[in-house]
Amino acid sequence: MENSAQLPYEYHGKVTLPSEKESINFSLNINRDAKSIELNFSKPIEESSNWKCTDIKIIRRTKFDEIVFFTHGIPKPSVPLIWKINASLTDKTAAGVVIARENDKGVKGEKGFKLTSK
């Protein structure tokens, strides 16, 4: 099994956010040791392309890291999203889902996505 220093720290892909019709390119930067995650979008969402994530959990499973975190304000103000990602320990891929939590903006649903690393 690989240690954290050998695992990819940056993944790239596209995601369609709940309530949105078009996908957007983004990168996911993971610091497994510090348990910090940053999302960088190709165009601003609510006036920012860079989002720091909160309530981060990274659990080492046999073949993947199970990563769960929250964002607030994407794609609309006061909308909480939960992101669940399984990042492979054997190749440079990850798969995930972003789920809208209860909110006052009427944003609902979930969207899956795939990520790769160089």
PDB file of N, CA and C in Angstrom:
ATOM      1  N   MET A   1       0.841  -1.178   0.000  1.00  0.00           N
ATOM      2  CA  MET A   1       0.000   0.000   0.000  1.00  0.00           C
ATOM      3  C   MET A   1       0.886   1.241   0.000  1.00  0.00           C
ATOM      4  N   GLU A   2       0.462   2.245  -0.761  1.00  0.00           N
ATOM      5  CA  GLU A   2       1.256   3.462  -0.883  1.00  0.00           C
ATOM      6  C   GLU A   2       1.047   4.371   0.319  1.00  0.00           C
ATOM      7  N   ASN A   3       2.103   5.126   0.646  1.00  0.00           N
ATOM      8  CA  ASN A   3       1.919   6.114   1.705  1.00  0.00           C
ATOM      9  C   ASN A   3       1.430   7.415   1.086  1.00  0.00           C
ATOM     10  N   SER A   4       1.025   8.340   1.919  1.00  0.00           N
ATOM     11  CA  SER A   4       0.406   9.579   1.447  1.00  0.00           C
ATOM     12  C   SER A   4       1.305  10.387   0.521  1.00  0.00           C
ATOM     13  N   ALA A   5       2.599  10.373   0.740  1.00  0.00           N
ATOM     14  CA  ALA A   5       3.515  11.164  -0.076  1.00  0.00           C
ATOM     15  C   ALA A   5       3.576  10.653  -1.518  1.00  0.00           C
ATOM     16  N   GLN A   6       3.277   9.380  -1.751  1.00  0.00           N
ATOM     17  CA  GLN A   6       3.352   8.808  -3.089  1.00  0.00           C
ATOM     18  C   GLN A   6       2.019   8.873  -3.838  1.00  0.00           C
ATOM     19  N   LEU A   7       0.952   9.160  -3.152  1.00  0.00           N
ATOM     20  CA  LEU A   7      -0.364   9.210  -3.783  1.00  0.00           C
ATOM     21  C   LEU A   7      -0.574  10.546  -4.478  1.00  0.00           C
ATOM     22  N   PRO A   8      -1.404  10.564  -5.536  1.00  0.00           N
ATOM     23  CA  PRO A   8      -1.690  11.842  -6.208  1.00  0.00           C
ATOM     24  C   PRO A   8      -2.296  12.841  -5.226  1.00  0.00           C
ATOM     25  N   TYR A   9      -1.949  14.084  -5.392  1.00  0.00           N
ATOM     26  CA  TYR A   9      -2.519  15.132  -4.549  1.00  0.00           C
ATOM     27  C   TYR A   9      -3.424  16.054  -5.354  1.00  0.00           C
ATOM     28  N   GLU A  10      -3.336  15.969  -6.695  1.00  0.00           N
ATOM     29  CA  GLU A  10      -4.181  16.810  -7.529  1.00  0.00           C
ATOM     30  C   GLU A  10      -4.885  15.952  -8.575  1.00  0.00           C
ATOM     31  N   TYR A  11      -6.197  16.095  -8.619  1.00  0.00           N
ATOM     32  CA  TYR A  11      -7.027  15.373  -9.577  1.00  0.00           C
ATOM     33  C   TYR A  11      -7.746  16.397 -10.445  1.00  0.00           C
ATOM     34  N   HIS A  12      -8.050  16.006 -11.695  1.00  0.00           N
ATOM     35  CA  HIS A  12      -8.722  16.897 -12.637  1.00  0.00           C
ATOM     36  C   HIS A  12      -9.932  16.194 -13.233  1.00  0.00           C
ATOM     37  N   GLY A  13     -10.953  16.973 -13.557  1.00  0.00           N
ATOM     38  CA  GLY A  13     -12.129  16.410 -14.201  1.00  0.00           C
ATOM     39  C   GLY A  13     -13.183  17.468 -14.417  1.00  0.00           C
ATOM     40  N   LYS A  14     -14.401  16.984 -14.689  1.00  0.00           N
ATOM     41  CA  LYS A  14     -15.560  17.861 -14.878  1.00  0.00           C
ATOM     42  C   LYS A  14     -16.651  17.418 -13.934  1.00  0.00           C
ATOM     43  N   VAL A  15     -17.437  18.379 -13.486  1.00  0.00           N
ATOM     44  CA  VAL A  15     -18.573  18.074 -12.628  1.00  0.00           C
ATOM     45  C   VAL A  15     -19.739  18.963 -13.044  1.00  0.00           C
ATOM     46  N   THR A  16     -20.931  18.402 -12.968  1.00  0.00           N
ATOM     47  CA  THR A  16     -22.142  19.189 -13.114  1.00  0.00           C
ATOM     48  C   THR A  16     -22.716  19.328 -11.717  1.00  0.00           C
ATOM     49  N   LEU A  17     -22.762  20.530 -11.228  1.00  0.00           N
ATOM     50  CA  LEU A  17     -23.233  20.769  -9.863  1.00  0.00           C
ATOM     51  C   LEU A  17     -24.755  20.644  -9.795  1.00  0.00           C
ATOM     52  N   PRO A  18     -25.290  20.210  -8.658  1.00  0.00           N
ATOM     53  CA  PRO A  18     -26.741  20.160  -8.524  1.00  0.00           C
ATOM     54  C   PRO A  18     -27.365  21.512  -8.868  1.00  0.00           C
ATOM     55  N   SER A  19     -28.442  21.489  -9.598  1.00  0.00           N
ATOM     56  CA  SER A  19     -29.218  22.634 -10.094  1.00  0.00           C
ATOM     57  C   SER A  19     -28.611  23.277 -11.341  1.00  0.00           C
ATOM     58  N   GLU A  20     -27.428  22.859 -11.757  1.00  0.00           N
ATOM     59  CA  GLU A  20     -26.791  23.422 -12.945  1.00  0.00           C
ATOM     60  C   GLU A  20     -26.995  22.480 -14.133  1.00  0.00           C
ATOM     61  N   LYS A  21     -26.977  23.033 -15.335  1.00  0.00           N
ATOM     62  CA  LYS A  21     -27.166  22.232 -16.540  1.00  0.00           C
ATOM     63  C   LYS A  21     -25.845  21.889 -17.222  1.00  0.00           C
ATOM     64  N   GLU A  22     -24.850  22.740 -17.076  1.00  0.00           N
ATOM     65  CA  GLU A  22     -23.582  22.528 -17.763  1.00  0.00           C
ATOM     66  C   GLU A  22     -22.496  22.101 -16.789  1.00  0.00           C
ATOM     67  N   SER A  23     -21.596  21.266 -17.298  1.00  0.00           N
ATOM     68  CA  SER A  23     -20.473  20.834 -16.463  1.00  0.00           C
ATOM     69  C   SER A  23     -19.390  21.904 -16.474  1.00  0.00           C
ATOM     70  N   ILE A  24     -18.529  21.825 -15.481  1.00  0.00           N
ATOM     71  CA  ILE A  24     -17.432  22.779 -15.335  1.00  0.00           C
ATOM     72  C   ILE A  24     -16.157  21.997 -15.019  1.00  0.00           C
ATOM     73  N   ASN A  25     -15.046  22.419 -15.622  1.00  0.00           N
ATOM     74  CA  ASN A  25     -13.752  21.806 -15.310  1.00  0.00           C
ATOM     75  C   ASN A  25     -13.333  22.234 -13.915  1.00  0.00           C
ATOM     76  N   PHE A  26     -12.721  21.301 -13.194  1.00  0.00           N
ATOM     77  CA  PHE A  26     -12.214  21.653 -11.873  1.00  0.00           C
ATOM     78  C   PHE A  26     -11.062  20.744 -11.488  1.00  0.00           C
ATOM     79  N   SER A  27     -10.320  21.194 -10.510  1.00  0.00           N
ATOM     80  CA  SER A  27      -9.274  20.358  -9.922  1.00  0.00           C
ATOM     81  C   SER A  27      -9.541  20.237  -8.435  1.00  0.00           C
ATOM     82  N   LEU A  28      -9.155  19.104  -7.912  1.00  0.00           N
ATOM     83  CA  LEU A  28      -9.314  18.781  -6.497  1.00  0.00           C
ATOM     84  C   LEU A  28      -7.913  18.580  -5.943  1.00  0.00           C
ATOM     85  N   ASN A  29      -7.517  19.422  -4.993  1.00  0.00           N
ATOM     86  CA  ASN A  29      -6.194  19.326  -4.374  1.00  0.00           C
ATOM     87  C   ASN A  29      -6.354  18.784  -2.966  1.00  0.00           C
ATOM     88  N   ILE A  30      -5.700  17.642  -2.725  1.00  0.00           N
ATOM     89  CA  ILE A  30      -5.831  16.955  -1.442  1.00  0.00           C
ATOM     90  C   ILE A  30      -4.494  16.937  -0.730  1.00  0.00           C
ATOM     91  N   ASN A  31      -4.494  17.373   0.517  1.00  0.00           N
ATOM     92  CA  ASN A  31      -3.351  17.163   1.393  1.00  0.00           C
ATOM     93  C   ASN A  31      -3.816  16.144   2.425  1.00  0.00           C
ATOM     94  N   ARG A  32      -3.483  14.871   2.178  1.00  0.00           N
ATOM     95  CA  ARG A  32      -3.971  13.797   3.033  1.00  0.00           C
ATOM     96  C   ARG A  32      -3.428  13.898   4.455  1.00  0.00           C
ATOM     97  N   ASP A  33      -2.181  14.339   4.596  1.00  0.00           N
ATOM     98  CA  ASP A  33      -1.581  14.423   5.933  1.00  0.00           C
ATOM     99  C   ASP A  33      -2.223  15.530   6.771  1.00  0.00           C
ATOM    100  N   ALA A  34      -2.473  16.679   6.157  1.00  0.00           N
ATOM    101  CA  ALA A  34      -3.077  17.799   6.879  1.00  0.00           C
ATOM    102  C   ALA A  34      -4.602  17.751   6.843  1.00  0.00           C
ATOM    103  N   LYS A  35      -5.136  16.806   6.086  1.00  0.00           N
ATOM    104  CA  LYS A  35      -6.589  16.674   5.904  1.00  0.00           C
ATOM    105  C   LYS A  35      -7.200  18.004   5.472  1.00  0.00           C
ATOM    106  N   SER A  36      -6.648  18.534   4.369  1.00  0.00           N
ATOM    107  CA  SER A  36      -7.203  19.758   3.789  1.00  0.00           C
ATOM    108  C   SER A  36      -7.478  19.514   2.312  1.00  0.00           C
ATOM    109  N   ILE A  37      -8.521  20.161   1.817  1.00  0.00           N
ATOM    110  CA  ILE A  37      -8.934  20.002   0.427  1.00  0.00           C
ATOM    111  C   ILE A  37      -9.308  21.371  -0.125  1.00  0.00           C
ATOM    112  N   GLU A  38      -8.903  21.581  -1.370  1.00  0.00           N
ATOM    113  CA  GLU A  38      -9.217  22.816  -2.069  1.00  0.00           C
ATOM    114  C   GLU A  38      -9.760  22.465  -3.447  1.00  0.00           C
ATOM    115  N   LEU A  39     -10.833  23.123  -3.845  1.00  0.00           N
ATOM    116  CA  LEU A  39     -11.408  22.965  -5.175  1.00  0.00           C
ATOM    117  C   LEU A  39     -11.075  24.204  -5.991  1.00  0.00           C
ATOM    118  N   ASN A  40     -10.629  23.999  -7.233  1.00  0.00           N
ATOM    119  CA  ASN A  40     -10.332  25.101  -8.135  1.00  0.00           C
ATOM    120  C   ASN A  40     -11.139  24.899  -9.409  1.00  0.00           C
ATOM    121  N   PHE A  41     -12.050  25.831  -9.695  1.00  0.00           N
ATOM    122  CA  PHE A  41     -12.913  25.742 -10.859  1.00  0.00           C
ATOM    123  C   PHE A  41     -12.356  26.580 -12.003  1.00  0.00           C
ATOM    124  N   SER A  42     -12.652  26.162 -13.247  1.00  0.00           N
ATOM    125  CA  SER A  42     -12.130  26.854 -14.432  1.00  0.00           C
ATOM    126  C   SER A  42     -12.768  28.228 -14.629  1.00  0.00           C
ATOM    127  N   LYS A  43     -13.925  28.445 -14.027  1.00  0.00           N
ATOM    128  CA  LYS A  43     -14.543  29.769 -14.055  1.00  0.00           C
ATOM    129  C   LYS A  43     -15.160  30.023 -12.680  1.00  0.00           C
ATOM    130  N   PRO A  44     -15.288  31.281 -12.313  1.00  0.00           N
ATOM    131  CA  PRO A  44     -15.795  31.588 -10.974  1.00  0.00           C
ATOM    132  C   PRO A  44     -17.222  31.081 -10.727  1.00  0.00           C
ATOM    133  N   ILE A  45     -17.432  30.614  -9.520  1.00  0.00           N
ATOM    134  CA  ILE A  45     -18.760  30.255  -9.023  1.00  0.00           C
ATOM    135  C   ILE A  45     -18.984  31.150  -7.815  1.00  0.00           C
ATOM    136  N   GLU A  46     -20.039  31.927  -7.865  1.00  0.00           N
ATOM    137  CA  GLU A  46     -20.310  32.894  -6.795  1.00  0.00           C
ATOM    138  C   GLU A  46     -19.066  33.756  -6.516  1.00  0.00           C
ATOM    139  N   GLU A  47     -18.452  34.231  -7.604  1.00  0.00           N
ATOM    140  CA  GLU A  47     -17.348  35.184  -7.572  1.00  0.00           C
ATOM    141  C   GLU A  47     -16.014  34.612  -7.095  1.00  0.00           C
ATOM    142  N   SER A  48     -15.902  33.281  -7.008  1.00  0.00           N
ATOM    143  CA  SER A  48     -14.620  32.690  -6.624  1.00  0.00           C
ATOM    144  C   SER A  48     -14.363  31.413  -7.412  1.00  0.00           C
ATOM    145  N   SER A  49     -13.133  31.259  -7.871  1.00  0.00           N
ATOM    146  CA  SER A  49     -12.732  30.028  -8.560  1.00  0.00           C
ATOM    147  C   SER A  49     -12.103  29.038  -7.594  1.00  0.00           C
ATOM    148  N   ASN A  50     -11.734  29.515  -6.414  1.00  0.00           N
ATOM    149  CA  ASN A  50     -11.016  28.708  -5.435  1.00  0.00           C
ATOM    150  C   ASN A  50     -11.851  28.557  -4.175  1.00  0.00           C
ATOM    151  N   TRP A  51     -12.106  27.302  -3.770  1.00  0.00           N
ATOM    152  CA  TRP A  51     -12.941  27.031  -2.595  1.00  0.00           C
ATOM    153  C   TRP A  51     -12.215  26.106  -1.630  1.00  0.00           C
ATOM    154  N   LYS A  52     -12.134  26.500  -0.400  1.00  0.00           N
ATOM    155  CA  LYS A  52     -11.586  25.645   0.656  1.00  0.00           C
ATOM    156  C   LYS A  52     -12.747  24.832   1.236  1.00  0.00           C
ATOM    157  N   CYS A  53     -12.492  23.595   1.538  1.00  0.00           N
ATOM    158  CA  CYS A  53     -13.544  22.686   1.992  1.00  0.00           C
ATOM    159  C   CYS A  53     -13.489  22.515   3.501  1.00  0.00           C
ATOM    160  N   THR A  54     -14.611  22.088   4.074  1.00  0.00           N
ATOM    161  CA  THR A  54     -14.716  21.946   5.528  1.00  0.00           C
ATOM    162  C   THR A  54     -15.168  20.543   5.897  1.00  0.00           C
ATOM    163  N   ASP A  55     -15.086  20.243   7.179  1.00  0.00           N
ATOM    164  CA  ASP A  55     -15.541  18.960   7.733  1.00  0.00           C
ATOM    165  C   ASP A  55     -14.997  17.785   6.921  1.00  0.00           C
ATOM    166  N   ILE A  56     -13.697  17.722   6.785  1.00  0.00           N
ATOM    167  CA  ILE A  56     -13.043  16.738   5.923  1.00  0.00           C
ATOM    168  C   ILE A  56     -12.764  15.449   6.686  1.00  0.00           C
ATOM    169  N   LYS A  57     -13.142  14.331   6.055  1.00  0.00           N
ATOM    170  CA  LYS A  57     -12.827  13.009   6.599  1.00  0.00           C
ATOM    171  C   LYS A  57     -12.142  12.218   5.503  1.00  0.00           C
ATOM    172  N   ILE A  58     -10.994  11.653   5.820  1.00  0.00           N
ATOM    173  CA  ILE A  58     -10.283  10.784   4.889  1.00  0.00           C
ATOM    174  C   ILE A  58     -10.046   9.460   5.605  1.00  0.00           C
ATOM    175  N   ILE A  59     -10.650   8.419   5.066  1.00  0.00           N
ATOM    176  CA  ILE A  59     -10.557   7.090   5.674  1.00  0.00           C
ATOM    177  C   ILE A  59      -9.841   6.165   4.701  1.00  0.00           C
ATOM    178  N   ARG A  60      -8.775   5.529   5.145  1.00  0.00           N
ATOM    179  CA  ARG A  60      -8.020   4.589   4.316  1.00  0.00           C
ATOM    180  C   ARG A  60      -8.738   3.251   4.294  1.00  0.00           C
ATOM    181  N   ARG A  61      -9.147   2.832   3.123  1.00  0.00           N
ATOM    182  CA  ARG A  61      -9.735   1.516   2.902  1.00  0.00           C
ATOM    183  C   ARG A  61      -8.681   0.632   2.244  1.00  0.00           C
ATOM    184  N   THR A  62      -9.015  -0.600   1.964  1.00  0.00           N
ATOM    185  CA  THR A  62      -8.040  -1.525   1.384  1.00  0.00           C
ATOM    186  C   THR A  62      -7.516  -1.054   0.037  1.00  0.00           C
ATOM    187  N   LYS A  63      -8.401  -0.598  -0.853  1.00  0.00           N
ATOM    188  CA  LYS A  63      -7.984  -0.239  -2.198  1.00  0.00           C
ATOM    189  C   LYS A  63      -8.192   1.227  -2.565  1.00  0.00           C
ATOM    190  N   PHE A  64      -8.719   2.027  -1.649  1.00  0.00           N
ATOM    191  CA  PHE A  64      -8.970   3.429  -1.951  1.00  0.00           C
ATOM    192  C   PHE A  64      -9.046   4.251  -0.676  1.00  0.00           C
ATOM    193  N   ASP A  65      -8.878   5.559  -0.839  1.00  0.00           N
ATOM    194  CA  ASP A  65      -9.152   6.505   0.239  1.00  0.00           C
ATOM    195  C   ASP A  65     -10.585   6.974   0.068  1.00  0.00           C
ATOM    196  N   GLU A  66     -11.360   6.857   1.124  1.00  0.00           N
ATOM    197  CA  GLU A  66     -12.731   7.373   1.123  1.00  0.00           C
ATOM    198  C   GLU A  66     -12.659   8.790   1.667  1.00  0.00           C
ATOM    199  N   ILE A  67     -13.041   9.755   0.843  1.00  0.00           N
ATOM    200  CA  ILE A  67     -12.907  11.168   1.184  1.00  0.00           C
ATOM    201  C   ILE A  67     -14.295  11.804   1.187  1.00  0.00           C
ATOM    202  N   VAL A  68     -14.634  12.457   2.280  1.00  0.00           N
ATOM    203  CA  VAL A  68     -15.924  13.130   2.409  1.00  0.00           C
ATOM    204  C   VAL A  68     -15.660  14.541   2.936  1.00  0.00           C
ATOM    205  N   PHE A  69     -16.291  15.541   2.300  1.00  0.00           N
ATOM    206  CA  PHE A  69     -16.135  16.914   2.763  1.00  0.00           C
ATOM    207  C   PHE A  69     -17.340  17.741   2.344  1.00  0.00           C
ATOM    208  N   PHE A  70     -17.420  18.959   2.859  1.00  0.00           N
ATOM    209  CA  PHE A  70     -18.535  19.858   2.589  1.00  0.00           C
ATOM    210  C   PHE A  70     -18.046  21.156   1.966  1.00  0.00           C
ATOM    211  N   THR A  71     -18.923  21.758   1.158  1.00  0.00           N
ATOM    212  CA  THR A  71     -18.732  23.131   0.712  1.00  0.00           C
ATOM    213  C   THR A  71     -20.023  23.881   1.011  1.00  0.00           C
ATOM    214  N   HIS A  72     -19.911  25.177   1.168  1.00  0.00           N
ATOM    215  CA  HIS A  72     -21.065  26.037   1.426  1.00  0.00           C
ATOM    216  C   HIS A  72     -20.992  27.214   0.462  1.00  0.00           C
ATOM    217  N   GLY A  73     -22.075  27.454  -0.274  1.00  0.00           N
ATOM    218  CA  GLY A  73     -22.117  28.579  -1.201  1.00  0.00           C
ATOM    219  C   GLY A  73     -21.918  28.203  -2.648  1.00  0.00           C
ATOM    220  N   ILE A  74     -21.722  26.928  -2.947  1.00  0.00           N
ATOM    221  CA  ILE A  74     -21.616  26.439  -4.321  1.00  0.00           C
ATOM    222  C   ILE A  74     -22.886  25.635  -4.597  1.00  0.00           C
ATOM    223  N   PRO A  75     -23.612  25.791  -5.621  1.00  0.00           N
ATOM    224  CA  PRO A  75     -23.484  26.766  -6.700  1.00  0.00           C
ATOM    225  C   PRO A  75     -24.179  28.085  -6.407  1.00  0.00           C
ATOM    226  N   LYS A  76     -24.853  28.176  -5.253  1.00  0.00           N
ATOM    227  CA  LYS A  76     -25.558  29.404  -4.870  1.00  0.00           C
ATOM    228  C   LYS A  76     -25.277  29.702  -3.407  1.00  0.00           C
ATOM    229  N   PRO A  77     -25.414  30.960  -2.993  1.00  0.00           N
ATOM    230  CA  PRO A  77     -25.179  31.292  -1.582  1.00  0.00           C
ATOM    231  C   PRO A  77     -26.052  30.445  -0.662  1.00  0.00           C
ATOM    232  N   SER A  78     -25.525  30.073   0.437  1.00  0.00           N
ATOM    233  CA  SER A  78     -26.156  29.308   1.512  1.00  0.00           C
ATOM    234  C   SER A  78     -26.543  27.888   1.139  1.00  0.00           C
ATOM    235  N   VAL A  79     -25.993  27.366   0.040  1.00  0.00           N
ATOM    236  CA  VAL A  79     -26.281  25.980  -0.338  1.00  0.00           C
ATOM    237  C   VAL A  79     -25.136  25.084   0.135  1.00  0.00           C
ATOM    238  N   PRO A  80     -25.415  24.136   1.037  1.00  0.00           N
ATOM    239  CA  PRO A  80     -24.391  23.186   1.455  1.00  0.00           C
ATOM    240  C   PRO A  80     -24.372  21.961   0.534  1.00  0.00           C
ATOM    241  N   LEU A  81     -23.192  21.582   0.110  1.00  0.00           N
ATOM    242  CA  LEU A  81     -23.016  20.376  -0.688  1.00  0.00           C
ATOM    243  C   LEU A  81     -22.124  19.411   0.065  1.00  0.00           C
ATOM    244  N   ILE A  82     -22.424  18.123  -0.053  1.00  0.00           N
ATOM    245  CA  ILE A  82     -21.533  17.096   0.479  1.00  0.00           C
ATOM    246  C   ILE A  82     -20.882  16.408  -0.714  1.00  0.00           C
ATOM    247  N   TRP A  83     -19.586  16.251  -0.639  1.00  0.00           N
ATOM    248  CA  TRP A  83     -18.803  15.604  -1.691  1.00  0.00           C
ATOM    249  C   TRP A  83     -18.285  14.286  -1.130  1.00  0.00           C
ATOM    250  N   LYS A  84     -18.492  13.202  -1.865  1.00  0.00           N
ATOM    251  CA  LYS A  84     -18.000  11.884  -1.468  1.00  0.00           C
ATOM    252  C   LYS A  84     -17.161  11.351  -2.623  1.00  0.00           C
ATOM    253  N   ILE A  85     -15.910  11.023  -2.318  1.00  0.00           N
ATOM    254  CA  ILE A  85     -14.971  10.603  -3.358  1.00  0.00           C
ATOM    255  C   ILE A  85     -14.228   9.355  -2.900  1.00  0.00           C
ATOM    256  N   ASN A  86     -14.062   8.413  -3.820  1.00  0.00           N
ATOM    257  CA  ASN A  86     -13.209   7.261  -3.597  1.00  0.00           C
ATOM    258  C   ASN A  86     -11.994   7.420  -4.502  1.00  0.00           C
ATOM    259  N   ALA A  87     -10.828   7.661  -3.909  1.00  0.00           N
ATOM    260  CA  ALA A  87      -9.586   7.858  -4.648  1.00  0.00           C
ATOM    261  C   ALA A  87      -8.776   6.570  -4.585  1.00  0.00           C
ATOM    262  N   SER A  88      -8.543   5.975  -5.743  1.00  0.00           N
ATOM    263  CA  SER A  88      -7.850   4.694  -5.832  1.00  0.00           C
ATOM    264  C   SER A  88      -6.438   4.773  -5.257  1.00  0.00           C
ATOM    265  N   LEU A  89      -6.021   3.696  -4.603  1.00  0.00           N
ATOM    266  CA  LEU A  89      -4.648   3.590  -4.099  1.00  0.00           C
ATOM    267  C   LEU A  89      -3.756   2.853  -5.096  1.00  0.00           C
ATOM    268  N   THR A  90      -4.351   2.315  -6.176  1.00  0.00           N
ATOM    269  CA  THR A  90      -3.581   1.525  -7.133  1.00  0.00           C
ATOM    270  C   THR A  90      -3.384   2.215  -8.477  1.00  0.00           C
ATOM    271  N   ASP A  91      -4.204   3.183  -8.802  1.00  0.00           N
ATOM    272  CA  ASP A  91      -3.993   3.954 -10.030  1.00  0.00           C
ATOM    273  C   ASP A  91      -4.308   5.427  -9.737  1.00  0.00           C
ATOM    274  N   LYS A  92      -4.284   6.230 -10.735  1.00  0.00           N
ATOM    275  CA  LYS A  92      -4.426   7.676 -10.529  1.00  0.00           C
ATOM    276  C   LYS A  92      -5.837   8.153 -10.873  1.00  0.00           C
ATOM    277  N   THR A  93      -6.839   7.430 -10.381  1.00  0.00           N
ATOM    278  CA  THR A  93      -8.219   7.790 -10.661  1.00  0.00           C
ATOM    279  C   THR A  93      -9.011   7.962  -9.373  1.00  0.00           C
ATOM    280  N   ALA A  94     -10.124   8.652  -9.517  1.00  0.00           N
ATOM    281  CA  ALA A  94     -11.054   8.831  -8.399  1.00  0.00           C
ATOM    282  C   ALA A  94     -12.456   8.961  -9.000  1.00  0.00           C
ATOM    283  N   ALA A  95     -13.441   8.539  -8.238  1.00  0.00           N
ATOM    284  CA  ALA A  95     -14.836   8.692  -8.640  1.00  0.00           C
ATOM    285  C   ALA A  95     -15.590   9.267  -7.459  1.00  0.00           C
ATOM    286  N   GLY A  96     -16.579  10.099  -7.769  1.00  0.00           N
ATOM    287  CA  GLY A  96     -17.284  10.719  -6.663  1.00  0.00           C
ATOM    288  C   GLY A  96     -18.695  11.121  -7.016  1.00  0.00           C
ATOM    289  N   VAL A  97     -19.336  11.677  -6.018  1.00  0.00           N
ATOM    290  CA  VAL A  97     -20.688  12.199  -6.168  1.00  0.00           C
ATOM    291  C   VAL A  97     -20.778  13.467  -5.318  1.00  0.00           C
ATOM    292  N   VAL A  98     -21.498  14.462  -5.831  1.00  0.00           N
ATOM    293  CA  VAL A  98     -21.757  15.683  -5.077  1.00  0.00           C
ATOM    294  C   VAL A  98     -23.265  15.739  -4.846  1.00  0.00           C
ATOM    295  N   ILE A  99     -23.652  15.956  -3.593  1.00  0.00           N
ATOM    296  CA  ILE A  99     -25.048  15.878  -3.190  1.00  0.00           C
ATOM    297  C   ILE A  99     -25.465  17.183  -2.522  1.00  0.00           C
ATOM    298  N   ALA A 100     -26.585  17.731  -2.976  1.00  0.00           N
ATOM    299  CA  ALA A 100     -27.121  18.945  -2.352  1.00  0.00           C
ATOM    300  C   ALA A 100     -27.808  18.564  -1.048  1.00  0.00           C
ATOM    301  N   ARG A 101     -27.453  19.259   0.011  1.00  0.00           N
ATOM    302  CA  ARG A 101     -28.125  19.069   1.292  1.00  0.00           C
ATOM    303  C   ARG A 101     -29.311  20.013   1.366  1.00  0.00           C
ATOM    304  N   GLU A 102     -30.161  19.807   2.334  1.00  0.00           N
ATOM    305  CA  GLU A 102     -31.352  20.644   2.494  1.00  0.00           C
ATOM    306  C   GLU A 102     -30.954  22.115   2.530  1.00  0.00           C
ATOM    307  N   ASN A 103     -31.681  22.938   1.766  1.00  0.00           N
ATOM    308  CA  ASN A 103     -31.351  24.357   1.687  1.00  0.00           C
ATOM    309  C   ASN A 103     -32.595  25.161   1.332  1.00  0.00           C
ATOM    310  N   ASP A 104     -32.500  26.487   1.483  1.00  0.00           N
ATOM    311  CA  ASP A 104     -33.639  27.361   1.208  1.00  0.00           C
ATOM    312  C   ASP A 104     -33.663  27.880  -0.227  1.00  0.00           C
ATOM    313  N   LYS A 105     -32.749  27.444  -1.068  1.00  0.00           N
ATOM    314  CA  LYS A 105     -32.678  27.895  -2.459  1.00  0.00           C
ATOM    315  C   LYS A 105     -33.337  26.922  -3.431  1.00  0.00           C
ATOM    316  N   GLY A 106     -33.839  25.802  -2.938  1.00  0.00           N
ATOM    317  CA  GLY A 106     -34.472  24.822  -3.805  1.00  0.00           C
ATOM    318  C   GLY A 106     -33.498  23.988  -4.618  1.00  0.00           C
ATOM    319  N   VAL A 107     -32.216  24.034  -4.272  1.00  0.00           N
ATOM    320  CA  VAL A 107     -31.213  23.232  -4.964  1.00  0.00           C
ATOM    321  C   VAL A 107     -31.284  21.823  -4.395  1.00  0.00           C
ATOM    322  N   LYS A 108     -31.430  20.826  -5.285  1.00  0.00           N
ATOM    323  CA  LYS A 108     -31.490  19.442  -4.818  1.00  0.00           C
ATOM    324  C   LYS A 108     -30.875  18.536  -5.864  1.00  0.00           C
ATOM    325  N   GLY A 109     -30.677  17.289  -5.487  1.00  0.00           N
ATOM    326  CA  GLY A 109     -30.141  16.303  -6.412  1.00  0.00           C
ATOM    327  C   GLY A 109     -28.710  15.929  -6.117  1.00  0.00           C
ATOM    328  N   GLU A 110     -28.221  14.999  -6.943  1.00  0.00           N
ATOM    329  CA  GLU A 110     -26.834  14.555  -6.827  1.00  0.00           C
ATOM    330  C   GLU A 110     -26.284  14.294  -8.216  1.00  0.00           C
ATOM    331  N   LYS A 111     -24.982  14.498  -8.352  1.00  0.00           N
ATOM    332  CA  LYS A 111     -24.319  14.331  -9.641  1.00  0.00           C
ATOM    333  C   LYS A 111     -23.009  13.576  -9.431  1.00  0.00           C
ATOM    334  N   GLY A 112     -22.770  12.582 -10.266  1.00  0.00           N
ATOM    335  CA  GLY A 112     -21.530  11.815 -10.205  1.00  0.00           C
ATOM    336  C   GLY A 112     -20.463  12.433 -11.094  1.00  0.00           C
ATOM    337  N   PHE A 113     -19.203  12.067 -10.826  1.00  0.00           N
ATOM    338  CA  PHE A 113     -18.097  12.567 -11.630  1.00  0.00           C
ATOM    339  C   PHE A 113     -16.897  11.629 -11.512  1.00  0.00           C
ATOM    340  N   LYS A 114     -15.977  11.739 -12.473  1.00  0.00           N
ATOM    341  CA  LYS A 114     -14.731  10.964 -12.481  1.00  0.00           C
ATOM    342  C   LYS A 114     -13.569  11.932 -12.533  1.00  0.00           C
ATOM    343  N   LEU A 115     -12.481  11.563 -11.889  1.00  0.00           N
ATOM    344  CA  LEU A 115     -11.283  12.396 -11.849  1.00  0.00           C
ATOM    345  C   LEU A 115     -10.057  11.561 -12.206  1.00  0.00           C
ATOM    346  N   THR A 116      -9.048  12.211 -12.751  1.00  0.00           N
ATOM    347  CA  THR A 116      -7.775  11.564 -13.019  1.00  0.00           C
ATOM    348  C   THR A 116      -6.651  12.460 -12.531  1.00  0.00           C
ATOM    349  N   SER A 117      -5.496  11.856 -12.356  1.00  0.00           N
ATOM    350  CA  SER A 117      -4.308  12.599 -11.939  1.00  0.00           C
ATOM    351  C   SER A 117      -3.202  12.296 -12.930  1.00  0.00           C
ATOM    352  N   LYS A 118      -2.278  13.227 -13.038  1.00  0.00           N
ATOM    353  CA  LYS A 118      -1.151  13.044 -13.971  1.00  0.00           C
ATOM    354  C   LYS A 118      -0.119  12.115 -13.400  1.00  0.00           C
TER     355      LYS A 118
END
